[in-house]
PDB file of N, CA and C in Angstrom:
ATOM      1  N   MET A   1    -165.877  27.312  92.337  1.00  0.00           N
ATOM      2  CA  MET A   1    -166.181  25.790  93.089  1.00  0.00           C
ATOM      3  C   MET A   1    -167.150  25.619  94.269  1.00  0.00           C
ATOM      4  N   LYS A   2    -167.909  24.985  94.243  1.00  0.00           N
ATOM      5  CA  LYS A   2    -168.222  24.652  95.416  1.00  0.00           C
ATOM      6  C   LYS A   2    -167.894  24.290  96.507  1.00  0.00           C
ATOM      7  N   LEU A   3    -166.772  23.260  96.522  1.00  0.00           N
ATOM      8  CA  LEU A   3    -166.176  22.519  97.223  1.00  0.00           C
ATOM      9  C   LEU A   3    -164.950  23.243  97.465  1.00  0.00           C
ATOM     10  N   ARG A   4    -164.084  23.475  98.686  1.00  0.00           N
ATOM     11  CA  ARG A   4    -162.982  23.986  98.696  1.00  0.00           C
ATOM     12  C   ARG A   4    -162.250  22.703  98.435  1.00  0.00           C
ATOM     13  N   ARG A   5    -161.045  23.013  98.077  1.00  0.00           N
ATOM     14  CA  ARG A   5    -159.674  21.773  97.194  1.00  0.00           C
ATOM     15  C   ARG A   5    -159.586  20.906  98.592  1.00  0.00           C
ATOM     16  N   GLU A   6    -159.075  21.005 100.011  1.00  0.00           N
ATOM     17  CA  GLU A   6    -158.710  20.644 100.817  1.00  0.00           C
ATOM     18  C   GLU A   6    -159.980  19.071 101.083  1.00  0.00           C
ATOM     19  N   LEU A   7    -161.145  19.694 100.664  1.00  0.00           N
ATOM     20  CA  LEU A   7    -162.203  18.674 101.393  1.00  0.00           C
ATOM     21  C   LEU A   7    -162.049  17.732  99.982  1.00  0.00           C
ATOM     22  N   ILE A   8    -162.396  18.222  98.530  1.00  0.00           N
ATOM     23  CA  ILE A   8    -162.022  17.456  97.393  1.00  0.00           C
ATOM     24  C   ILE A   8    -161.385  16.270  97.599  1.00  0.00           C
ATOM     25  N   GLN A   9    -159.787  16.425  98.259  1.00  0.00           N
ATOM     26  CA  GLN A   9    -158.471  16.068  98.655  1.00  0.00           C
ATOM     27  C   GLN A   9    -158.597  14.820  99.611  1.00  0.00           C
ATOM     28  N   ARG A  10    -159.455  15.191 100.464  1.00  0.00           N
ATOM     29  CA  ARG A  10    -159.566  14.194 101.548  1.00  0.00           C
ATOM     30  C   ARG A  10    -161.055  13.200 101.226  1.00  0.00           C
ATOM     31  N   ILE A  11    -162.248  13.761 100.038  1.00  0.00           N
ATOM     32  CA  ILE A  11    -163.468  12.644  99.432  1.00  0.00           C
ATOM     33  C   ILE A  11    -162.355  11.609  98.816  1.00  0.00           C
ATOM     34  N   ALA A  12    -161.088  12.475  98.102  1.00  0.00           N
ATOM     35  CA  ALA A  12    -160.614  11.275  96.952  1.00  0.00           C
ATOM     36  C   ALA A  12    -159.475  10.627  97.802  1.00  0.00           C
ATOM     37  N   GLY A  13    -159.295  10.802  98.572  1.00  0.00           N
ATOM     38  CA  GLY A  13    -158.528  10.047  99.473  1.00  0.00           C
ATOM     39  C   GLY A  13    -159.359   8.579 100.224  1.00  0.00           C
ATOM     40  N   ARG A  14    -160.402   9.615 100.764  1.00  0.00           N
ATOM     41  CA  ARG A  14    -161.405   8.163 101.390  1.00  0.00           C
ATOM     42  C   ARG A  14    -161.642   7.071 100.292  1.00  0.00           C
ATOM     43  N   VAL A  15    -161.818   7.718  99.185  1.00  0.00           N
ATOM     44  CA  VAL A  15    -162.778   6.711  98.382  1.00  0.00           C
ATOM     45  C   VAL A  15    -161.648   5.965  98.082  1.00  0.00           C
ATOM     46  N   THR A  16    -160.496   6.455  97.442  1.00  0.00           N
ATOM     47  CA  THR A  16    -159.389   5.457  97.153  1.00  0.00           C
ATOM     48  C   THR A  16    -158.833   4.420  98.236  1.00  0.00           C
ATOM     49  N   ALA A  17    -158.939   4.651  99.616  1.00  0.00           N
ATOM     50  CA  ALA A  17    -159.093   4.123 100.819  1.00  0.00           C
ATOM     51  C   ALA A  17    -159.521   2.577 101.202  1.00  0.00           C
ATOM     52  N   SER A  18    -161.236   3.142 100.442  1.00  0.00           N
ATOM     53  CA  SER A  18    -162.471   2.585 100.488  1.00  0.00           C
ATOM     54  C   SER A  18    -162.238   1.620  99.351  1.00  0.00           C
ATOM     55  N   LEU A  19    -161.816   2.110  98.407  1.00  0.00           N
ATOM     56  CA  LEU A  19    -161.342   1.034  96.944  1.00  0.00           C
ATOM     57  C   LEU A  19    -160.228   0.174  97.162  1.00  0.00           C
ATOM     58  N   HIS A  20    -159.414   0.630  97.811  1.00  0.00           N
ATOM     59  CA  HIS A  20    -158.026  -0.548  98.227  1.00  0.00           C
ATOM     60  C   HIS A  20    -158.385  -1.343  98.733  1.00  0.00           C
ATOM     61  N   ASP A  21    -159.596  -0.944  99.667  1.00  0.00           N
ATOM     62  CA  ASP A  21    -159.260  -2.102 101.129  1.00  0.00           C
ATOM     63  C   ASP A  21    -160.233  -3.218 100.839  1.00  0.00           C
ATOM     64  N   GLU A  22    -161.459  -2.784  99.797  1.00  0.00           N
ATOM     65  CA  GLU A  22    -162.175  -3.378  99.147  1.00  0.00           C
ATOM     66  C   GLU A  22    -161.631  -4.243  97.953  1.00  0.00           C
ATOM     67  N   GLY A  23    -160.194  -4.280  97.925  1.00  0.00           N
ATOM     68  CA  GLY A  23    -159.459  -5.347  96.644  1.00  0.00           C
ATOM     69  C   GLY A  23    -159.917  -4.490  95.740  1.00  0.00           C
ATOM     70  N   LEU A  24    -160.629  -3.755  95.077  1.00  0.00           N
ATOM     71  CA  LEU A  24    -161.473  -3.322  94.124  1.00  0.00           C
ATOM     72  C   LEU A  24    -160.647  -2.532  93.196  1.00  0.00           C
ATOM     73  N   VAL A  25    -159.167  -2.347  93.163  1.00  0.00           N
ATOM     74  CA  VAL A  25    -158.404  -1.452  93.200  1.00  0.00           C
ATOM     75  C   VAL A  25    -156.576  -2.392  92.718  1.00  0.00           C
ATOM     76  N   GLU A  26    -156.236  -2.315  91.767  1.00  0.00           N
ATOM     77  CA  GLU A  26    -155.084  -3.104  91.872  1.00  0.00           C
ATOM     78  C   GLU A  26    -153.927  -2.235  90.676  1.00  0.00           C
ATOM     79  N   GLY A  27    -152.661  -2.074  91.204  1.00  0.00           N
ATOM     80  CA  GLY A  27    -151.595  -1.406  90.093  1.00  0.00           C
ATOM     81  C   GLY A  27    -151.575  -0.411  90.126  1.00  0.00           C
ATOM     82  N   LEU A  28    -152.102   0.636  91.142  1.00  0.00           N
ATOM     83  CA  LEU A  28    -152.271   1.734  91.081  1.00  0.00           C
ATOM     84  C   LEU A  28    -151.735   2.709  92.530  1.00  0.00           C
ATOM     85  N   ALA A  29    -151.049   3.070  92.510  1.00  0.00           N
ATOM     86  CA  ALA A  29    -150.125   3.508  94.099  1.00  0.00           C
ATOM     87  C   ALA A  29    -151.661   4.569  94.412  1.00  0.00           C
ATOM     88  N   GLN A  30    -151.710   4.423  95.751  1.00  0.00           N
ATOM     89  CA  GLN A  30    -152.785   4.974  96.506  1.00  0.00           C
ATOM     90  C   GLN A  30    -152.796   6.952  96.161  1.00  0.00           C
ATOM     91  N   PRO A  31    -151.740   7.364  96.501  1.00  0.00           N
ATOM     92  CA  PRO A  31    -151.534   9.065  96.318  1.00  0.00           C
ATOM     93  C   PRO A  31    -151.692   9.179  94.605  1.00  0.00           C
ATOM     94  N   VAL A  32    -151.274   8.298  93.702  1.00  0.00           N
ATOM     95  CA  VAL A  32    -151.654   8.550  92.533  1.00  0.00           C
ATOM     96  C   VAL A  32    -152.991   8.334  91.747  1.00  0.00           C
ATOM     97  N   LEU A  33    -154.213   7.348  92.256  1.00  0.00           N
ATOM     98  CA  LEU A  33    -155.367   6.887  92.408  1.00  0.00           C
ATOM     99  C   LEU A  33    -155.983   8.417  92.946  1.00  0.00           C
ATOM    100  N   ALA A  34    -155.632   9.113  94.431  1.00  0.00           N
ATOM    101  CA  ALA A  34    -156.272   9.993  94.741  1.00  0.00           C
ATOM    102  C   ALA A  34    -156.281  10.621  93.860  1.00  0.00           C
ATOM    103  N   GLN A  35    -155.218  11.385  93.631  1.00  0.00           N
ATOM    104  CA  GLN A  35    -155.094  12.116  92.739  1.00  0.00           C
ATOM    105  C   GLN A  35    -155.966  12.287  91.414  1.00  0.00           C
ATOM    106  N   ARG A  36    -156.124  11.036  90.628  1.00  0.00           N
ATOM    107  CA  ARG A  36    -156.620  11.428  89.771  1.00  0.00           C
ATOM    108  C   ARG A  36    -157.786  11.478  90.010  1.00  0.00           C
ATOM    109  N   ILE A  37    -158.823  10.703  91.124  1.00  0.00           N
ATOM    110  CA  ILE A  37    -160.252  11.370  91.605  1.00  0.00           C
ATOM    111  C   ILE A  37    -160.217  12.620  92.079  1.00  0.00           C
ATOM    112  N   ALA A  38    -159.739  12.658  92.534  1.00  0.00           N
ATOM    113  CA  ALA A  38    -159.829  14.671  93.041  1.00  0.00           C
ATOM    114  C   ALA A  38    -159.727  15.380  91.772  1.00  0.00           C
ATOM    115  N   ASP A  39    -158.926  15.107  90.854  1.00  0.00           N
ATOM    116  CA  ASP A  39    -158.794  15.503  89.574  1.00  0.00           C
ATOM    117  C   ASP A  39    -160.256  15.491  88.137  1.00  0.00           C
ATOM    118  N   ALA A  40    -160.892  14.462  88.598  1.00  0.00           N
ATOM    119  CA  ALA A  40    -161.924  13.807  88.289  1.00  0.00           C
ATOM    120  C   ALA A  40    -163.154  15.076  88.519  1.00  0.00           C
ATOM    121  N   ILE A  41    -162.968  14.366  89.851  1.00  0.00           N
ATOM    122  CA  ILE A  41    -164.247  15.909  91.020  1.00  0.00           C
ATOM    123  C   ILE A  41    -163.936  17.394  90.834  1.00  0.00           C
ATOM    124  N   THR A  42    -162.783  18.099  90.435  1.00  0.00           N
ATOM    125  CA  THR A  42    -162.481  19.355  90.252  1.00  0.00           C
ATOM    126  C   THR A  42    -163.229  19.264  89.390  1.00  0.00           C
ATOM    127  N   GLY A  43    -162.588  18.441  88.038  1.00  0.00           N
ATOM    128  CA  GLY A  43    -162.909  19.226  86.866  1.00  0.00           C
ATOM    129  C   GLY A  43    -164.939  19.178  86.532  1.00  0.00           C
ATOM    130  N   ASP A  44    -165.471  18.223  87.321  1.00  0.00           N
ATOM    131  CA  ASP A  44    -166.757  18.265  87.114  1.00  0.00           C
ATOM    132  C   ASP A  44    -167.391  19.042  87.888  1.00  0.00           C
ATOM    133  N   LEU A  45    -166.694  19.818  89.270  1.00  0.00           N
ATOM    134  CA  LEU A  45    -167.590  20.819  89.343  1.00  0.00           C
ATOM    135  C   LEU A  45    -167.381  21.914  88.843  1.00  0.00           C
ATOM    136  N   MET A  46    -165.905  22.310  88.151  1.00  0.00           N
ATOM    137  CA  MET A  46    -165.625  23.538  87.077  1.00  0.00           C
ATOM    138  C   MET A  46    -166.685  23.333  86.177  1.00  0.00           C
ATOM    139  N   VAL A  47    -167.166  22.761  85.498  1.00  0.00           N
ATOM    140  CA  VAL A  47    -168.019  22.381  84.501  1.00  0.00           C
ATOM    141  C   VAL A  47    -169.290  23.773  84.653  1.00  0.00           C
ATOM    142  N   GLU A  48    -170.080  23.545  85.864  1.00  0.00           N
ATOM    143  CA  GLU A  48    -170.687  24.712  86.159  1.00  0.00           C
ATOM    144  C   GLU A  48    -170.286  25.554  86.544  1.00  0.00           C
ATOM    145  N   ASP A  49    -169.126  26.051  86.793  1.00  0.00           N
ATOM    146  CA  ASP A  49    -168.518  27.462  87.021  1.00  0.00           C
ATOM    147  C   ASP A  49    -168.429  27.905  85.923  1.00  0.00           C
ATOM    148  N   ARG A  50    -168.225  27.336  84.729  1.00  0.00           N
ATOM    149  CA  ARG A  50    -167.651  28.066  83.749  1.00  0.00           C
ATOM    150  C   ARG A  50    -168.603  27.848  82.751  1.00  0.00           C
ATOM    151  N   LEU A  51    -169.905  27.549  82.792  1.00  0.00           N
ATOM    152  CA  LEU A  51    -171.172  27.651  82.434  1.00  0.00           C
ATOM    153  C   LEU A  51    -171.730  28.543  82.767  1.00  0.00           C
ATOM    154  N   ASN A  52    -171.949  28.688  84.193  1.00  0.00           N
ATOM    155  CA  ASN A  52    -172.089  30.102  84.644  1.00  0.00           C
ATOM    156  C   ASN A  52    -171.456  31.276  84.754  1.00  0.00           C
ATOM    157  N   ASP A  53    -170.180  31.404  84.382  1.00  0.00           N
ATOM    158  CA  ASP A  53    -169.351  32.339  83.503  1.00  0.00           C
ATOM    159  C   ASP A  53    -169.838  33.085  82.314  1.00  0.00           C
ATOM    160  N   GLU A  54    -170.092  31.754  81.553  1.00  0.00           N
ATOM    161  CA  GLU A  54    -170.835  31.939  80.150  1.00  0.00           C
ATOM    162  C   GLU A  54    -172.035  32.565  79.898  1.00  0.00           C
ATOM    163  N   VAL A  55    -172.858  32.445  80.765  1.00  0.00           N
ATOM    164  CA  VAL A  55    -174.409  32.928  81.160  1.00  0.00           C
ATOM    165  C   VAL A  55    -174.590  33.932  82.098  1.00  0.00           C
ATOM    166  N   ARG A  56    -173.000  34.669  82.388  1.00  0.00           N
ATOM    167  CA  ARG A  56    -173.451  36.195  82.763  1.00  0.00           C
ATOM    168  C   ARG A  56    -172.537  37.079  81.575  1.00  0.00           C
ATOM    169  N   GLU A  57    -171.437  36.324  80.802  1.00  0.00           N
ATOM    170  CA  GLU A  57    -171.121  36.891  79.943  1.00  0.00           C
ATOM    171  C   GLU A  57    -172.397  37.237  78.589  1.00  0.00           C
ATOM    172  N   LEU A  58    -173.009  36.221  78.376  1.00  0.00           N
ATOM    173  CA  LEU A  58    -174.038  36.264  77.240  1.00  0.00           C
ATOM    174  C   LEU A  58    -174.888  37.401  77.972  1.00  0.00           C
ATOM    175  N   LEU A  59    -175.740  37.528  79.405  1.00  0.00           N
ATOM    176  CA  LEU A  59    -176.304  38.469  79.734  1.00  0.00           C
ATOM    177  C   LEU A  59    -176.000  39.925  79.666  1.00  0.00           C
ATOM    178  N   ARG A  60    -174.683  40.083  80.052  1.00  0.00           N
ATOM    179  CA  ARG A  60    -174.237  40.976  79.932  1.00  0.00           C
ATOM    180  C   ARG A  60    -173.881  41.744  78.574  1.00  0.00           C
ATOM    181  N   GLN A  61    -173.927  40.881  77.208  1.00  0.00           N
ATOM    182  CA  GLN A  61    -173.657  41.442  75.941  1.00  0.00           C
ATOM    183  C   GLN A  61    -175.357  41.724  75.466  1.00  0.00           C
ATOM    184  N   HIS A  62    -175.816  41.038  76.350  1.00  0.00           N
ATOM    185  CA  HIS A  62    -177.687  41.757  75.905  1.00  0.00           C
ATOM    186  C   HIS A  62    -178.362  42.384  76.765  1.00  0.00           C
ATOM    187  N   ALA A  63    -177.611  43.334  78.021  1.00  0.00           N
ATOM    188  CA  ALA A  63    -178.017  44.020  78.966  1.00  0.00           C
ATOM    189  C   ALA A  63    -178.968  44.995  78.578  1.00  0.00           C
ATOM    190  N   ASP A  64    -178.942  45.472  77.271  1.00  0.00           N
ATOM    191  CA  ASP A  64    -179.040  46.583  77.256  1.00  0.00           C
ATOM    192  C   ASP A  64    -180.917  45.818  76.611  1.00  0.00           C
ATOM    193  N   GLN A  65    -181.042  44.856  76.135  1.00  0.00           N
ATOM    194  CA  GLN A  65    -182.505  44.177  75.845  1.00  0.00           C
ATOM    195  C   GLN A  65    -182.830  43.491  76.255  1.00  0.00           C
ATOM    196  N   ILE A  66    -182.180  43.019  77.849  1.00  0.00           N
ATOM    197  CA  ILE A  66    -182.790  42.636  79.084  1.00  0.00           C
ATOM    198  C   ILE A  66    -183.669  43.397  79.982  1.00  0.00           C
ATOM    199  N   ASP A  67    -182.974  44.945  79.245  1.00  0.00           N
ATOM    200  CA  ASP A  67    -183.767  46.063  80.208  1.00  0.00           C
ATOM    201  C   ASP A  67    -184.734  46.545  79.667  1.00  0.00           C
ATOM    202  N   ARG A  68    -184.727  46.639  78.311  1.00  0.00           N
ATOM    203  CA  ARG A  68    -186.165  47.068  77.575  1.00  0.00           C
ATOM    204  C   ARG A  68    -187.177  46.309  77.856  1.00  0.00           C
ATOM    205  N   ALA A  69    -186.991  44.932  78.121  1.00  0.00           N
ATOM    206  CA  ALA A  69    -187.655  44.257  77.981  1.00  0.00           C
ATOM    207  C   ALA A  69    -188.386  43.685  79.688  1.00  0.00           C
ATOM    208  N   ASN A  70    -187.704  44.486  80.917  1.00  0.00           N
ATOM    209  CA  ASN A  70    -188.128  44.659  81.953  1.00  0.00           C
ATOM    210  C   ASN A  70    -188.139  43.247  82.449  1.00  0.00           C
ATOM    211  N   VAL A  71    -187.118  42.265  82.272  1.00  0.00           N
ATOM    212  CA  VAL A  71    -186.713  41.370  82.784  1.00  0.00           C
ATOM    213  C   VAL A  71    -185.924  41.215  84.167  1.00  0.00           C
ATOM    214  N   GLU A  72    -186.204  40.388  84.689  1.00  0.00           N
ATOM    215  CA  GLU A  72    -185.321  40.326  86.101  1.00  0.00           C
ATOM    216  C   GLU A  72    -183.914  39.765  85.539  1.00  0.00           C
ATOM    217  N   TYR A  73    -183.027  40.154  86.064  1.00  0.00           N
ATOM    218  CA  TYR A  73    -181.668  39.322  85.571  1.00  0.00           C
ATOM    219  C   TYR A  73    -181.566  38.336  86.362  1.00  0.00           C
ATOM    220  N   HIS A  74    -181.994  37.679  87.576  1.00  0.00           N
ATOM    221  CA  HIS A  74    -181.902  36.370  88.099  1.00  0.00           C
ATOM    222  C   HIS A  74    -182.565  35.163  87.706  1.00  0.00           C
ATOM    223  N   GLU A  75    -183.951  35.633  87.059  1.00  0.00           N
ATOM    224  CA  GLU A  75    -185.078  34.830  86.617  1.00  0.00           C
ATOM    225  C   GLU A  75    -184.485  34.537  84.428  1.00  0.00           C
ATOM    226  N   MET A  76    -183.456  35.638  84.002  1.00  0.00           N
ATOM    227  CA  MET A  76    -182.894  35.194  83.294  1.00  0.00           C
ATOM    228  C   MET A  76    -181.663  34.377  82.918  1.00  0.00           C
ATOM    229  N   PHE A  77    -181.278  34.476  83.931  1.00  0.00           N
ATOM    230  CA  PHE A  77    -179.962  33.873  84.426  1.00  0.00           C
ATOM    231  C   PHE A  77    -180.456  32.122  84.508  1.00  0.00           C
ATOM    232  N   LYS A  78    -181.323  31.995  85.310  1.00  0.00           N
ATOM    233  CA  LYS A  78    -182.130  30.836  85.368  1.00  0.00           C
ATOM    234  C   LYS A  78    -182.699  30.419  84.467  1.00  0.00           C
ATOM    235  N   LYS A  79    -183.306  30.911  83.255  1.00  0.00           N
ATOM    236  CA  LYS A  79    -183.587  30.090  82.331  1.00  0.00           C
ATOM    237  C   LYS A  79    -182.679  30.054  81.126  1.00  0.00           C
ATOM    238  N   LEU A  80    -181.797  30.911  81.171  1.00  0.00           N
ATOM    239  CA  LEU A  80    -180.657  30.741  80.036  1.00  0.00           C
ATOM    240  C   LEU A  80    -179.810  29.544  80.277  1.00  0.00           C
ATOM    241  N   LYS A  81    -179.274  29.453  81.901  1.00  0.00           N
ATOM    242  CA  LYS A  81    -178.581  28.356  81.887  1.00  0.00           C
ATOM    243  C   LYS A  81    -179.224  26.883  81.974  1.00  0.00           C
ATOM    244  N   ALA A  82    -180.691  26.802  82.458  1.00  0.00           N
ATOM    245  CA  ALA A  82    -181.264  26.334  82.259  1.00  0.00           C
ATOM    246  C   ALA A  82    -181.345  25.216  80.772  1.00  0.00           C
ATOM    247  N   LYS A  83    -181.459  26.532  79.804  1.00  0.00           N
ATOM    248  CA  LYS A  83    -181.634  25.676  78.546  1.00  0.00           C
ATOM    249  C   LYS A  83    -180.570  25.515  77.536  1.00  0.00           C
ATOM    250  N   LEU A  84    -179.009  25.760  78.860  1.00  0.00           N
ATOM    251  CA  LEU A  84    -178.040  25.670  77.888  1.00  0.00           C
ATOM    252  C   LEU A  84    -177.081  24.179  78.079  1.00  0.00           C
ATOM    253  N   VAL A  85    -178.085  23.810  79.464  1.00  0.00           N
ATOM    254  CA  VAL A  85    -177.946  22.756  80.349  1.00  0.00           C
ATOM    255  C   VAL A  85    -178.496  21.779  79.618  1.00  0.00           C
ATOM    256  N   ARG A  86    -179.614  21.972  79.072  1.00  0.00           N
ATOM    257  CA  ARG A  86    -180.455  20.869  78.028  1.00  0.00           C
ATOM    258  C   ARG A  86    -179.806  20.873  76.783  1.00  0.00           C
ATOM    259  N   GLU A  87    -179.649  21.808  76.301  1.00  0.00           N
ATOM    260  CA  GLU A  87    -178.888  21.977  74.612  1.00  0.00           C
ATOM    261  C   GLU A  87    -177.592  20.791  74.706  1.00  0.00           C
ATOM    262  N   ARG A  88    -176.724  21.421  75.875  1.00  0.00           N
ATOM    263  CA  ARG A  88    -175.815  20.504  75.838  1.00  0.00           C
ATOM    264  C   ARG A  88    -175.648  18.915  77.042  1.00  0.00           C
ATOM    265  N   LYS A  89    -176.942  18.607  77.218  1.00  0.00           N
ATOM    266  CA  LYS A  89    -176.880  17.246  77.936  1.00  0.00           C
ATOM    267  C   LYS A  89    -176.150  17.722  78.988  1.00  0.00           C
ATOM    268  N   LEU A  90    -175.773  18.761  79.492  1.00  0.00           N
ATOM    269  CA  LEU A  90    -174.929  18.642  81.100  1.00  0.00           C
ATOM    270  C   LEU A  90    -175.511  17.951  82.363  1.00  0.00           C
ATOM    271  N   ILE A  91    -174.956  17.566  83.243  1.00  0.00           N
ATOM    272  CA  ILE A  91    -175.197  16.911  84.084  1.00  0.00           C
ATOM    273  C   ILE A  91    -174.837  17.590  85.254  1.00  0.00           C
ATOM    274  N   LEU A  92    -175.358  18.615  86.305  1.00  0.00           N
ATOM    275  CA  LEU A  92    -175.150  19.335  87.122  1.00  0.00           C
ATOM    276  C   LEU A  92    -174.892  19.152  88.772  1.00  0.00           C
TER     277      LEU A  92
END
Protein backbone atom coordinates (compact mmCIF):
# COMPACT_ATOMS: atom_id res chain seq x y z
CA MET A 1 0.00 0.00 0.00
CA LYS A 2 1.32 3.41 -0.95
CA LEU A 3 0.10 5.26 2.14
CA ARG A 4 0.74 4.44 5.77
CA ARG A 5 -2.31 3.64 7.89
CA GLU A 6 -1.65 6.67 10.08
CA LEU A 7 -1.79 8.96 7.06
CA ILE A 8 -5.01 7.34 5.85
CA GLN A 9 -6.55 7.85 9.29
CA ARG A 10 -5.46 11.50 9.29
CA ILE A 11 -6.92 12.08 5.81
CA ALA A 12 -10.19 10.38 6.81
CA GLY A 13 -10.36 12.52 9.94
CA ARG A 14 -9.91 15.72 7.97
CA VAL A 15 -12.50 14.72 5.38
CA THR A 16 -14.94 13.83 8.13
CA ALA A 17 -14.36 17.11 9.94
CA SER A 18 -14.88 19.06 6.72
CA LEU A 19 -18.09 17.19 5.93
CA HIS A 20 -19.44 17.86 9.42
CA ASP A 21 -18.33 21.52 9.37
CA GLU A 22 -20.15 22.06 6.07
CA GLY A 23 -23.26 20.35 7.41
CA LEU A 24 -23.15 17.71 4.70
CA VAL A 25 -23.33 14.73 7.06
CA GLU A 26 -25.83 14.12 9.79
CA GLY A 27 -26.65 11.13 11.93
CA LEU A 28 -23.21 9.51 12.00
CA ALA A 29 -20.70 10.08 14.74
CA GLN A 30 -17.44 11.51 13.44
CA PRO A 31 -15.32 8.52 14.56
CA VAL A 32 -17.67 6.08 12.79
CA LEU A 33 -17.65 8.09 9.58
CA ALA A 34 -13.89 8.58 9.74
CA GLN A 35 -13.38 4.82 10.06
CA ARG A 36 -15.68 4.13 7.12
CA ILE A 37 -13.81 6.63 4.98
CA ALA A 38 -10.46 5.14 6.05
CA ASP A 39 -11.73 1.65 5.20
CA ALA A 40 -12.84 2.83 1.76
CA ILE A 41 -9.46 4.46 1.06
CA THR A 42 -7.60 1.38 2.27
CA GLY A 43 -9.76 -0.95 0.18
CA ASP A 44 -9.21 1.15 -2.90
CA LEU A 45 -5.44 1.21 -2.42
CA MET A 46 -5.34 -2.53 -1.85
CA VAL A 47 -6.88 -3.17 -5.28
CA GLU A 48 -3.57 -2.23 -6.92
CA ASP A 49 -1.57 -4.24 -4.38
CA ARG A 50 -3.64 -7.37 -5.10
CA LEU A 51 -3.33 -6.77 -8.84
CA ASN A 52 0.47 -6.45 -8.55
CA ASP A 53 0.59 -9.71 -6.60
CA GLU A 54 -1.51 -11.44 -9.25
CA VAL A 55 0.71 -10.15 -12.07
CA ARG A 56 3.84 -11.32 -10.25
CA GLU A 57 2.31 -14.78 -9.78
CA LEU A 58 1.31 -15.03 -13.45
CA LEU A 59 4.79 -14.00 -14.53
CA ARG A 60 6.34 -16.51 -12.13
CA GLN A 61 4.19 -19.26 -13.61
CA HIS A 62 5.35 -18.34 -17.11
CA ALA A 63 8.98 -17.52 -16.28
CA ASP A 64 10.37 -20.13 -18.69
CA GLN A 65 8.41 -18.75 -21.63
CA ILE A 66 9.42 -15.19 -20.75
CA ASP A 67 13.08 -16.20 -20.60
CA ARG A 68 12.90 -18.01 -23.95
CA ALA A 69 11.21 -15.01 -25.57
CA ASN A 70 14.00 -12.80 -24.20
CA VAL A 71 11.48 -10.32 -22.78
CA GLU A 72 12.35 -7.88 -20.02
CA TYR A 73 10.50 -8.71 -16.79
CA HIS A 74 9.54 -5.12 -15.96
CA GLU A 75 8.22 -4.53 -19.50
CA MET A 76 6.11 -7.68 -19.34
CA PHE A 77 4.90 -6.67 -15.87
CA LYS A 78 3.74 -3.28 -17.13
CA LYS A 79 2.02 -4.76 -20.19
CA LEU A 80 0.26 -7.53 -18.28
CA LYS A 81 -0.85 -5.14 -15.56
CA ALA A 82 -2.19 -2.66 -18.13
CA LYS A 83 -4.06 -5.49 -19.88
CA LEU A 84 -5.70 -6.66 -16.65
CA VAL A 85 -6.61 -3.07 -15.72
CA ARG A 86 -8.33 -2.61 -19.09
CA GLU A 87 -10.10 -5.98 -18.97
CA ARG A 88 -11.36 -5.44 -15.45
CA LYS A 89 -12.08 -1.75 -15.97
CA LEU A 90 -10.11 -0.83 -12.86
CA ILE A 91 -9.21 2.70 -11.88
CA LEU A 92 -5.83 2.92 -10.22
